[in-house]
Amino acid sequence: MSDEPRERDILSLSDDPLPKVLKTPRLATQREQLDVLRADVARLRERLIAIADGTSRLAALEATVVLETVESGIRRHLTPVLITAGVAGYIWSAFLRRR
């Protein structure tokens, strides 16, 4: 059983082109492989932070858009909204009084 396929798997984890020293499994030492893996982890960590930041900004933007849409809908249809709120309040209070 040879370690060659295992070394190729470890070396293929990086998207970046590997230095010439790492392209030959015989010359790739464990220290060099570890350095490549550390660089990959650092790069992935940066990407994850960027994705999380973008996702939180997108969620905040979508919440703002929904809020503005609801507010504009209420402003356009103020009378039906007030009547509906009054009826809902009346029903709610009637429900609470029965207890």
PDB file of N, CA and C in Angstrom:
ATOM      1  N   MET A   1       0.850  -1.177   0.000  1.00  0.00           N
ATOM      2  CA  MET A   1       0.000   0.000   0.000  1.00  0.00           C
ATOM      3  C   MET A   1       0.893   1.237   0.000  1.00  0.00           C
ATOM      4  N   SER A   2       0.664   2.145  -0.915  1.00  0.00           N
ATOM      5  CA  SER A   2       1.521   3.313  -1.084  1.00  0.00           C
ATOM      6  C   SER A   2       0.846   4.549  -0.499  1.00  0.00           C
ATOM      7  N   ASP A   3       1.651   5.489  -0.042  1.00  0.00           N
ATOM      8  CA  ASP A   3       1.125   6.750   0.487  1.00  0.00           C
ATOM      9  C   ASP A   3       0.884   7.761  -0.627  1.00  0.00           C
ATOM     10  N   GLU A   4       1.221   7.419  -1.838  1.00  0.00           N
ATOM     11  CA  GLU A   4       1.125   8.367  -2.933  1.00  0.00           C
ATOM     12  C   GLU A   4      -0.296   8.885  -3.152  1.00  0.00           C
ATOM     13  N   PRO A   5      -1.350   8.036  -3.204  1.00  0.00           N
ATOM     14  CA  PRO A   5      -2.700   8.584  -3.377  1.00  0.00           C
ATOM     15  C   PRO A   5      -3.107   9.499  -2.233  1.00  0.00           C
ATOM     16  N   ARG A   6      -2.709   9.157  -1.020  1.00  0.00           N
ATOM     17  CA  ARG A   6      -3.042   9.998   0.134  1.00  0.00           C
ATOM     18  C   ARG A   6      -2.390  11.355   0.010  1.00  0.00           C
ATOM     19  N   GLU A   7      -1.128  11.392  -0.417  1.00  0.00           N
ATOM     20  CA  GLU A   7      -0.439  12.668  -0.581  1.00  0.00           C
ATOM     21  C   GLU A   7      -1.076  13.486  -1.690  1.00  0.00           C
ATOM     22  N   ARG A   8      -1.508  12.856  -2.754  1.00  0.00           N
ATOM     23  CA  ARG A   8      -2.180  13.589  -3.817  1.00  0.00           C
ATOM     24  C   ARG A   8      -3.487  14.180  -3.325  1.00  0.00           C
ATOM     25  N   ASP A   9      -4.237  13.428  -2.515  1.00  0.00           N
ATOM     26  CA  ASP A   9      -5.490  13.942  -1.978  1.00  0.00           C
ATOM     27  C   ASP A   9      -5.254  15.164  -1.115  1.00  0.00           C
ATOM     28  N   ILE A  10      -4.244  15.118  -0.277  1.00  0.00           N
ATOM     29  CA  ILE A  10      -3.933  16.246   0.596  1.00  0.00           C
ATOM     30  C   ILE A  10      -3.515  17.447  -0.234  1.00  0.00           C
ATOM     31  N   LEU A  11      -2.705  17.216  -1.241  1.00  0.00           N
ATOM     32  CA  LEU A  11      -2.218  18.317  -2.057  1.00  0.00           C
ATOM     33  C   LEU A  11      -3.304  18.887  -2.960  1.00  0.00           C
ATOM     34  N   SER A  12      -4.324  18.121  -3.281  1.00  0.00           N
ATOM     35  CA  SER A  12      -5.371  18.616  -4.173  1.00  0.00           C
ATOM     36  C   SER A  12      -6.418  19.442  -3.445  1.00  0.00           C
ATOM     37  N   LEU A  13      -6.312  19.628  -2.143  1.00  0.00           N
ATOM     38  CA  LEU A  13      -7.298  20.413  -1.386  1.00  0.00           C
ATOM     39  C   LEU A  13      -7.237  21.893  -1.725  1.00  0.00           C
ATOM     40  N   SER A  14      -6.129  22.360  -2.183  1.00  0.00           N
ATOM     41  CA  SER A  14      -5.955  23.778  -2.450  1.00  0.00           C
ATOM     42  C   SER A  14      -6.405  24.117  -3.858  1.00  0.00           C
ATOM     43  N   ASP A  15      -7.154  25.232  -4.009  1.00  0.00           N
ATOM     44  CA  ASP A  15      -7.544  25.719  -5.330  1.00  0.00           C
ATOM     45  C   ASP A  15      -6.381  26.448  -5.996  1.00  0.00           C
ATOM     46  N   ASP A  16      -5.530  27.021  -5.191  1.00  0.00           N
ATOM     47  CA  ASP A  16      -4.418  27.787  -5.728  1.00  0.00           C
ATOM     48  C   ASP A  16      -3.385  26.838  -6.330  1.00  0.00           C
ATOM     49  N   PRO A  17      -2.696  27.293  -7.382  1.00  0.00           N
ATOM     50  CA  PRO A  17      -1.660  26.433  -7.938  1.00  0.00           C
ATOM     51  C   PRO A  17      -0.565  26.206  -6.900  1.00  0.00           C
ATOM     52  N   LEU A  18      -0.122  24.980  -6.793  1.00  0.00           N
ATOM     53  CA  LEU A  18       0.885  24.641  -5.803  1.00  0.00           C
ATOM     54  C   LEU A  18       2.276  24.996  -6.314  1.00  0.00           C
ATOM     55  N   PRO A  19       3.169  25.332  -5.418  1.00  0.00           N
ATOM     56  CA  PRO A  19       4.554  25.558  -5.845  1.00  0.00           C
ATOM     57  C   PRO A  19       5.119  24.282  -6.457  1.00  0.00           C
ATOM     58  N   LYS A  20       6.134  24.436  -7.289  1.00  0.00           N
ATOM     59  CA  LYS A  20       6.716  23.283  -7.972  1.00  0.00           C
ATOM     60  C   LYS A  20       7.209  22.234  -6.981  1.00  0.00           C
ATOM     61  N   VAL A  21       7.675  22.673  -5.827  1.00  0.00           N
ATOM     62  CA  VAL A  21       8.175  21.731  -4.830  1.00  0.00           C
ATOM     63  C   VAL A  21       7.058  20.796  -4.371  1.00  0.00           C
ATOM     64  N   LEU A  22       5.826  21.321  -4.266  1.00  0.00           N
ATOM     65  CA  LEU A  22       4.723  20.516  -3.756  1.00  0.00           C
ATOM     66  C   LEU A  22       4.069  19.657  -4.832  1.00  0.00           C
ATOM     67  N   LYS A  23       4.374  19.897  -6.099  1.00  0.00           N
ATOM     68  CA  LYS A  23       3.764  19.114  -7.160  1.00  0.00           C
ATOM     69  C   LYS A  23       4.316  17.698  -7.201  1.00  0.00           C
ATOM     70  N   THR A  24       5.501  17.491  -6.692  1.00  0.00           N
ATOM     71  CA  THR A  24       6.097  16.168  -6.657  1.00  0.00           C
ATOM     72  C   THR A  24       5.902  15.608  -5.264  1.00  0.00           C
ATOM     73  N   PRO A  25       5.084  14.567  -5.117  1.00  0.00           N
ATOM     74  CA  PRO A  25       4.815  14.038  -3.777  1.00  0.00           C
ATOM     75  C   PRO A  25       6.067  13.613  -3.030  1.00  0.00           C
ATOM     76  N   ARG A  26       7.105  13.159  -3.744  1.00  0.00           N
ATOM     77  CA  ARG A  26       8.319  12.722  -3.047  1.00  0.00           C
ATOM     78  C   ARG A  26       9.023  13.896  -2.373  1.00  0.00           C
ATOM     79  N   LEU A  27       8.930  15.074  -2.966  1.00  0.00           N
ATOM     80  CA  LEU A  27       9.619  16.225  -2.400  1.00  0.00           C
ATOM     81  C   LEU A  27       8.771  16.991  -1.388  1.00  0.00           C
ATOM     82  N   ALA A  28       7.477  16.713  -1.366  1.00  0.00           N
ATOM     83  CA  ALA A  28       6.578  17.441  -0.468  1.00  0.00           C
ATOM     84  C   ALA A  28       6.718  16.866   0.936  1.00  0.00           C
ATOM     85  N   THR A  29       7.253  17.642   1.807  1.00  0.00           N
ATOM     86  CA  THR A  29       7.392  17.194   3.190  1.00  0.00           C
ATOM     87  C   THR A  29       6.108  17.473   3.948  1.00  0.00           C
ATOM     88  N   GLN A  30       6.000  16.894   5.079  1.00  0.00           N
ATOM     89  CA  GLN A  30       4.805  17.121   5.904  1.00  0.00           C
ATOM     90  C   GLN A  30       4.693  18.583   6.296  1.00  0.00           C
ATOM     91  N   ARG A  31       5.824  19.244   6.526  1.00  0.00           N
ATOM     92  CA  ARG A  31       5.808  20.665   6.900  1.00  0.00           C
ATOM     93  C   ARG A  31       5.241  21.508   5.762  1.00  0.00           C
ATOM     94  N   GLU A  32       5.644  21.218   4.543  1.00  0.00           N
ATOM     95  CA  GLU A  32       5.129  21.973   3.399  1.00  0.00           C
ATOM     96  C   GLU A  32       3.638  21.724   3.214  1.00  0.00           C
ATOM     97  N   GLN A  33       3.209  20.486   3.381  1.00  0.00           N
ATOM     98  CA  GLN A  33       1.793  20.179   3.279  1.00  0.00           C
ATOM     99  C   GLN A  33       1.003  20.896   4.368  1.00  0.00           C
ATOM    100  N   LEU A  34       1.567  20.927   5.555  1.00  0.00           N
ATOM    101  CA  LEU A  34       0.916  21.617   6.662  1.00  0.00           C
ATOM    102  C   LEU A  34       0.815  23.115   6.374  1.00  0.00           C
ATOM    103  N   ASP A  35       1.846  23.692   5.810  1.00  0.00           N
ATOM    104  CA  ASP A  35       1.808  25.113   5.456  1.00  0.00           C
ATOM    105  C   ASP A  35       0.732  25.396   4.416  1.00  0.00           C
ATOM    106  N   VAL A  36       0.608  24.514   3.424  1.00  0.00           N
ATOM    107  CA  VAL A  36      -0.426  24.682   2.404  1.00  0.00           C
ATOM    108  C   VAL A  36      -1.811  24.568   3.031  1.00  0.00           C
ATOM    109  N   LEU A  37      -1.987  23.614   3.905  1.00  0.00           N
ATOM    110  CA  LEU A  37      -3.280  23.458   4.570  1.00  0.00           C
ATOM    111  C   LEU A  37      -3.609  24.648   5.457  1.00  0.00           C
ATOM    112  N   ARG A  38      -2.611  25.177   6.136  1.00  0.00           N
ATOM    113  CA  ARG A  38      -2.846  26.373   6.966  1.00  0.00           C
ATOM    114  C   ARG A  38      -3.250  27.555   6.102  1.00  0.00           C
ATOM    115  N   ALA A  39      -2.602  27.698   4.957  1.00  0.00           N
ATOM    116  CA  ALA A  39      -2.966  28.784   4.040  1.00  0.00           C
ATOM    117  C   ALA A  39      -4.400  28.598   3.545  1.00  0.00           C
ATOM    118  N   ASP A  40      -4.777  27.348   3.240  1.00  0.00           N
ATOM    119  CA  ASP A  40      -6.146  27.067   2.810  1.00  0.00           C
ATOM    120  C   ASP A  40      -7.147  27.396   3.906  1.00  0.00           C
ATOM    121  N   VAL A  41      -6.843  27.021   5.130  1.00  0.00           N
ATOM    122  CA  VAL A  41      -7.750  27.311   6.246  1.00  0.00           C
ATOM    123  C   VAL A  41      -7.892  28.817   6.428  1.00  0.00           C
ATOM    124  N   ALA A  42      -6.805  29.551   6.326  1.00  0.00           N
ATOM    125  CA  ALA A  42      -6.865  31.009   6.464  1.00  0.00           C
ATOM    126  C   ALA A  42      -7.704  31.618   5.349  1.00  0.00           C
ATOM    127  N   ARG A  43      -7.515  31.134   4.116  1.00  0.00           N
ATOM    128  CA  ARG A  43      -8.282  31.641   2.980  1.00  0.00           C
ATOM    129  C   ARG A  43      -9.766  31.310   3.144  1.00  0.00           C
ATOM    130  N   LEU A  44     -10.068  30.094   3.570  1.00  0.00           N
ATOM    131  CA  LEU A  44     -11.467  29.709   3.774  1.00  0.00           C
ATOM    132  C   LEU A  44     -12.109  30.501   4.910  1.00  0.00           C
ATOM    133  N   ARG A  45     -11.337  30.780   5.954  1.00  0.00           N
ATOM    134  CA  ARG A  45     -11.850  31.585   7.058  1.00  0.00           C
ATOM    135  C   ARG A  45     -12.218  32.987   6.574  1.00  0.00           C
ATOM    136  N   GLU A  46     -11.366  33.574   5.732  1.00  0.00           N
ATOM    137  CA  GLU A  46     -11.649  34.904   5.186  1.00  0.00           C
ATOM    138  C   GLU A  46     -12.904  34.875   4.321  1.00  0.00           C
ATOM    139  N   ARG A  47     -13.043  33.829   3.503  1.00  0.00           N
ATOM    140  CA  ARG A  47     -14.239  33.709   2.663  1.00  0.00           C
ATOM    141  C   ARG A  47     -15.489  33.552   3.518  1.00  0.00           C
ATOM    142  N   LEU A  48     -15.406  32.759   4.570  1.00  0.00           N
ATOM    143  CA  LEU A  48     -16.549  32.554   5.455  1.00  0.00           C
ATOM    144  C   LEU A  48     -16.958  33.857   6.131  1.00  0.00           C
ATOM    145  N   ILE A  49     -15.997  34.631   6.565  1.00  0.00           N
ATOM    146  CA  ILE A  49     -16.299  35.923   7.186  1.00  0.00           C
ATOM    147  C   ILE A  49     -16.970  36.846   6.180  1.00  0.00           C
ATOM    148  N   ALA A  50     -16.466  36.863   4.946  1.00  0.00           N
ATOM    149  CA  ALA A  50     -17.066  37.705   3.905  1.00  0.00           C
ATOM    150  C   ALA A  50     -18.489  37.256   3.587  1.00  0.00           C
ATOM    151  N   ILE A  51     -18.705  35.948   3.523  1.00  0.00           N
ATOM    152  CA  ILE A  51     -20.051  35.430   3.247  1.00  0.00           C
ATOM    153  C   ILE A  51     -21.001  35.771   4.384  1.00  0.00           C
ATOM    154  N   ALA A  52     -20.551  35.608   5.621  1.00  0.00           N
ATOM    155  CA  ALA A  52     -21.402  35.922   6.777  1.00  0.00           C
ATOM    156  C   ALA A  52     -21.746  37.411   6.798  1.00  0.00           C
ATOM    157  N   ASP A  53     -20.767  38.246   6.484  1.00  0.00           N
ATOM    158  CA  ASP A  53     -21.013  39.687   6.463  1.00  0.00           C
ATOM    159  C   ASP A  53     -22.015  40.038   5.374  1.00  0.00           C
ATOM    160  N   GLY A  54     -21.834  39.466   4.198  1.00  0.00           N
ATOM    161  CA  GLY A  54     -22.763  39.733   3.098  1.00  0.00           C
ATOM    162  C   GLY A  54     -24.159  39.223   3.393  1.00  0.00           C
ATOM    163  N   THR A  55     -24.251  38.066   4.029  1.00  0.00           N
ATOM    164  CA  THR A  55     -25.549  37.494   4.362  1.00  0.00           C
ATOM    165  C   THR A  55     -26.280  38.355   5.381  1.00  0.00           C
ATOM    166  N   SER A  56     -25.557  38.845   6.387  1.00  0.00           N
ATOM    167  CA  SER A  56     -26.212  39.689   7.392  1.00  0.00           C
ATOM    168  C   SER A  56     -26.671  41.008   6.778  1.00  0.00           C
ATOM    169  N   ARG A  57     -25.874  41.550   5.874  1.00  0.00           N
ATOM    170  CA  ARG A  57     -26.296  42.791   5.200  1.00  0.00           C
ATOM    171  C   ARG A  57     -27.525  42.546   4.332  1.00  0.00           C
ATOM    172  N   LEU A  58     -27.549  41.407   3.639  1.00  0.00           N
ATOM    173  CA  LEU A  58     -28.685  41.079   2.795  1.00  0.00           C
ATOM    174  C   LEU A  58     -29.946  40.894   3.632  1.00  0.00           C
ATOM    175  N   ALA A  59     -29.831  40.219   4.764  1.00  0.00           N
ATOM    176  CA  ALA A  59     -30.989  40.016   5.634  1.00  0.00           C
ATOM    177  C   ALA A  59     -31.515  41.346   6.160  1.00  0.00           C
ATOM    178  N   ALA A  60     -30.616  42.237   6.548  1.00  0.00           N
ATOM    179  CA  ALA A  60     -31.039  43.553   7.040  1.00  0.00           C
ATOM    180  C   ALA A  60     -31.712  44.347   5.927  1.00  0.00           C
ATOM    181  N   LEU A  61     -31.167  44.261   4.713  1.00  0.00           N
ATOM    182  CA  LEU A  61     -31.757  44.970   3.581  1.00  0.00           C
ATOM    183  C   LEU A  61     -33.147  44.422   3.254  1.00  0.00           C
ATOM    184  N   GLU A  62     -33.294  43.102   3.277  1.00  0.00           N
ATOM    185  CA  GLU A  62     -34.609  42.510   3.001  1.00  0.00           C
ATOM    186  C   GLU A  62     -35.628  42.893   4.065  1.00  0.00           C
ATOM    187  N   ALA A  63     -35.206  42.936   5.326  1.00  0.00           N
ATOM    188  CA  ALA A  63     -36.119  43.350   6.393  1.00  0.00           C
ATOM    189  C   ALA A  63     -36.550  44.799   6.199  1.00  0.00           C
ATOM    190  N   THR A  64     -35.626  45.638   5.788  1.00  0.00           N
ATOM    191  CA  THR A  64     -35.955  47.044   5.542  1.00  0.00           C
ATOM    192  C   THR A  64     -36.938  47.176   4.387  1.00  0.00           C
ATOM    193  N   VAL A  65     -36.731  46.400   3.337  1.00  0.00           N
ATOM    194  CA  VAL A  65     -37.632  46.445   2.182  1.00  0.00           C
ATOM    195  C   VAL A  65     -39.035  45.987   2.575  1.00  0.00           C
ATOM    196  N   VAL A  66     -39.135  44.924   3.353  1.00  0.00           N
ATOM    197  CA  VAL A  66     -40.446  44.431   3.794  1.00  0.00           C
ATOM    198  C   VAL A  66     -41.133  45.483   4.660  1.00  0.00           C
ATOM    199  N   LEU A  67     -40.394  46.084   5.569  1.00  0.00           N
ATOM    200  CA  LEU A  67     -40.961  47.112   6.438  1.00  0.00           C
ATOM    201  C   LEU A  67     -41.468  48.302   5.626  1.00  0.00           C
ATOM    202  N   GLU A  68     -40.679  48.752   4.668  1.00  0.00           N
ATOM    203  CA  GLU A  68     -41.102  49.881   3.840  1.00  0.00           C
ATOM    204  C   GLU A  68     -42.316  49.524   2.988  1.00  0.00           C
ATOM    205  N   THR A  69     -42.379  48.295   2.503  1.00  0.00           N
ATOM    206  CA  THR A  69     -43.529  47.854   1.712  1.00  0.00           C
ATOM    207  C   THR A  69     -44.799  47.866   2.555  1.00  0.00           C
ATOM    208  N   VAL A  70     -44.708  47.348   3.765  1.00  0.00           N
ATOM    209  CA  VAL A  70     -45.871  47.330   4.658  1.00  0.00           C
ATOM    210  C   VAL A  70     -46.291  48.755   5.012  1.00  0.00           C
ATOM    211  N   GLU A  71     -45.320  49.594   5.324  1.00  0.00           N
ATOM    212  CA  GLU A  71     -45.647  50.986   5.664  1.00  0.00           C
ATOM    213  C   GLU A  71     -46.318  51.706   4.503  1.00  0.00           C
ATOM    214  N   SER A  72     -45.819  51.506   3.295  1.00  0.00           N
ATOM    215  CA  SER A  72     -46.427  52.186   2.146  1.00  0.00           C
ATOM    216  C   SER A  72     -47.824  51.632   1.875  1.00  0.00           C
ATOM    217  N   GLY A  73     -48.018  50.321   2.102  1.00  0.00           N
ATOM    218  CA  GLY A  73     -49.349  49.743   1.940  1.00  0.00           C
ATOM    219  C   GLY A  73     -50.335  50.298   2.947  1.00  0.00           C
ATOM    220  N   ILE A  74     -49.877  50.483   4.163  1.00  0.00           N
ATOM    221  CA  ILE A  74     -50.744  51.067   5.196  1.00  0.00           C
ATOM    222  C   ILE A  74     -51.075  52.509   4.842  1.00  0.00           C
ATOM    223  N   ARG A  75     -50.097  53.257   4.373  1.00  0.00           N
ATOM    224  CA  ARG A  75     -50.356  54.666   4.015  1.00  0.00           C
ATOM    225  C   ARG A  75     -51.343  54.774   2.846  1.00  0.00           C
ATOM    226  N   ARG A  76     -51.211  53.871   1.869  1.00  0.00           N
ATOM    227  CA  ARG A  76     -52.114  53.929   0.703  1.00  0.00           C
ATOM    228  C   ARG A  76     -53.531  53.536   1.068  1.00  0.00           C
ATOM    229  N   HIS A  77     -53.699  52.638   2.013  1.00  0.00           N
ATOM    230  CA  HIS A  77     -55.019  52.130   2.376  1.00  0.00           C
ATOM    231  C   HIS A  77     -55.274  52.364   3.863  1.00  0.00           C
ATOM    232  N   LEU A  78     -55.180  53.613   4.272  1.00  0.00           N
ATOM    233  CA  LEU A  78     -55.266  53.944   5.689  1.00  0.00           C
ATOM    234  C   LEU A  78     -56.652  53.640   6.270  1.00  0.00           C
ATOM    235  N   THR A  79     -57.701  53.981   5.572  1.00  0.00           N
ATOM    236  CA  THR A  79     -59.047  53.773   6.095  1.00  0.00           C
ATOM    237  C   THR A  79     -59.357  52.287   6.315  1.00  0.00           C
ATOM    238  N   PRO A  80     -59.159  51.422   5.327  1.00  0.00           N
ATOM    239  CA  PRO A  80     -59.438  49.999   5.582  1.00  0.00           C
ATOM    240  C   PRO A  80     -58.569  49.412   6.701  1.00  0.00           C
ATOM    241  N   VAL A  81     -57.334  49.892   6.806  1.00  0.00           N
ATOM    242  CA  VAL A  81     -56.447  49.390   7.859  1.00  0.00           C
ATOM    243  C   VAL A  81     -56.976  49.802   9.227  1.00  0.00           C
ATOM    244  N   LEU A  82     -57.406  51.051   9.359  1.00  0.00           N
ATOM    245  CA  LEU A  82     -57.943  51.516  10.645  1.00  0.00           C
ATOM    246  C   LEU A  82     -59.239  50.783  11.005  1.00  0.00           C
ATOM    247  N   ILE A  83     -60.102  50.553  10.018  1.00  0.00           N
ATOM    248  CA  ILE A  83     -61.348  49.828  10.291  1.00  0.00           C
ATOM    249  C   ILE A  83     -61.034  48.396  10.718  1.00  0.00           C
ATOM    250  N   THR A  84     -60.114  47.752  10.023  1.00  0.00           N
ATOM    251  CA  THR A  84     -59.735  46.381  10.370  1.00  0.00           C
ATOM    252  C   THR A  84     -59.126  46.325  11.767  1.00  0.00           C
ATOM    253  N   ALA A  85     -58.276  47.279  12.081  1.00  0.00           N
ATOM    254  CA  ALA A  85     -57.671  47.312  13.412  1.00  0.00           C
ATOM    255  C   ALA A  85     -58.725  47.541  14.487  1.00  0.00           C
ATOM    256  N   GLY A  86     -59.688  48.403  14.205  1.00  0.00           N
ATOM    257  CA  GLY A  86     -60.768  48.641  15.167  1.00  0.00           C
ATOM    258  C   GLY A  86     -61.614  47.404  15.398  1.00  0.00           C
ATOM    259  N   VAL A  87     -61.956  46.709  14.325  1.00  0.00           N
ATOM    260  CA  VAL A  87     -62.750  45.486  14.453  1.00  0.00           C
ATOM    261  C   VAL A  87     -61.969  44.421  15.217  1.00  0.00           C
ATOM    262  N   ALA A  88     -60.703  44.276  14.885  1.00  0.00           N
ATOM    263  CA  ALA A  88     -59.866  43.289  15.581  1.00  0.00           C
ATOM    264  C   ALA A  88     -59.753  43.642  17.058  1.00  0.00           C
ATOM    265  N   GLY A  89     -59.608  44.912  17.379  1.00  0.00           N
ATOM    266  CA  GLY A  89     -59.547  45.336  18.786  1.00  0.00           C
ATOM    267  C   GLY A  89     -60.850  45.080  19.512  1.00  0.00           C
ATOM    268  N   TYR A  90     -61.975  45.333  18.838  1.00  0.00           N
ATOM    269  CA  TYR A  90     -63.278  45.097  19.445  1.00  0.00           C
ATOM    270  C   TYR A  90     -63.475  43.603  19.738  1.00  0.00           C
ATOM    271  N   ILE A  91     -63.151  42.766  18.764  1.00  0.00           N
ATOM    272  CA  ILE A  91     -63.290  41.315  18.950  1.00  0.00           C
ATOM    273  C   ILE A  91     -62.360  40.829  20.060  1.00  0.00           C
ATOM    274  N   TRP A  92     -61.156  41.334  20.060  1.00  0.00           N
ATOM    275  CA  TRP A  92     -60.190  40.934  21.098  1.00  0.00           C
ATOM    276  C   TRP A  92     -60.694  41.317  22.480  1.00  0.00           C
ATOM    277  N   SER A  93     -61.180  42.555  22.619  1.00  0.00           N
ATOM    278  CA  SER A  93     -61.674  42.981  23.939  1.00  0.00           C
ATOM    279  C   SER A  93     -62.918  42.198  24.351  1.00  0.00           C
ATOM    280  N   ALA A  94     -63.800  41.875  23.386  1.00  0.00           N
ATOM    281  CA  ALA A  94     -65.004  41.080  23.695  1.00  0.00           C
ATOM    282  C   ALA A  94     -64.595  39.681  24.151  1.00  0.00           C
ATOM    283  N   PHE A  95     -63.576  39.131  23.545  1.00  0.00           N
ATOM    284  CA  PHE A  95     -63.070  37.807  23.919  1.00  0.00           C
ATOM    285  C   PHE A  95     -62.489  37.851  25.341  1.00  0.00           C
ATOM    286  N   LEU A  96     -61.791  38.910  25.690  1.00  0.00           N
ATOM    287  CA  LEU A  96     -61.187  39.015  27.018  1.00  0.00           C
ATOM    288  C   LEU A  96     -62.235  39.284  28.095  1.00  0.00           C
ATOM    289  N   ARG A  97     -63.290  39.999  27.767  1.00  0.00           N
ATOM    290  CA  ARG A  97     -64.339  40.292  28.754  1.00  0.00           C
ATOM    291  C   ARG A  97     -65.117  39.048  29.149  1.00  0.00           C
ATOM    292  N   ARG A  98     -65.234  38.075  28.281  1.00  0.00           N
ATOM    293  CA  ARG A  98     -66.015  36.868  28.574  1.00  0.00           C
ATOM    294  C   ARG A  98     -65.333  36.005  29.623  1.00  0.00           C
ATOM    295  N   ARG A  99     -64.089  36.125  29.787  1.00  0.00           N
ATOM    296  CA  ARG A  99     -63.363  35.305  30.771  1.00  0.00           C
ATOM    297  C   ARG A  99     -63.639  35.823  32.114  1.00  0.00           C
TER     298      ARG A  99
END
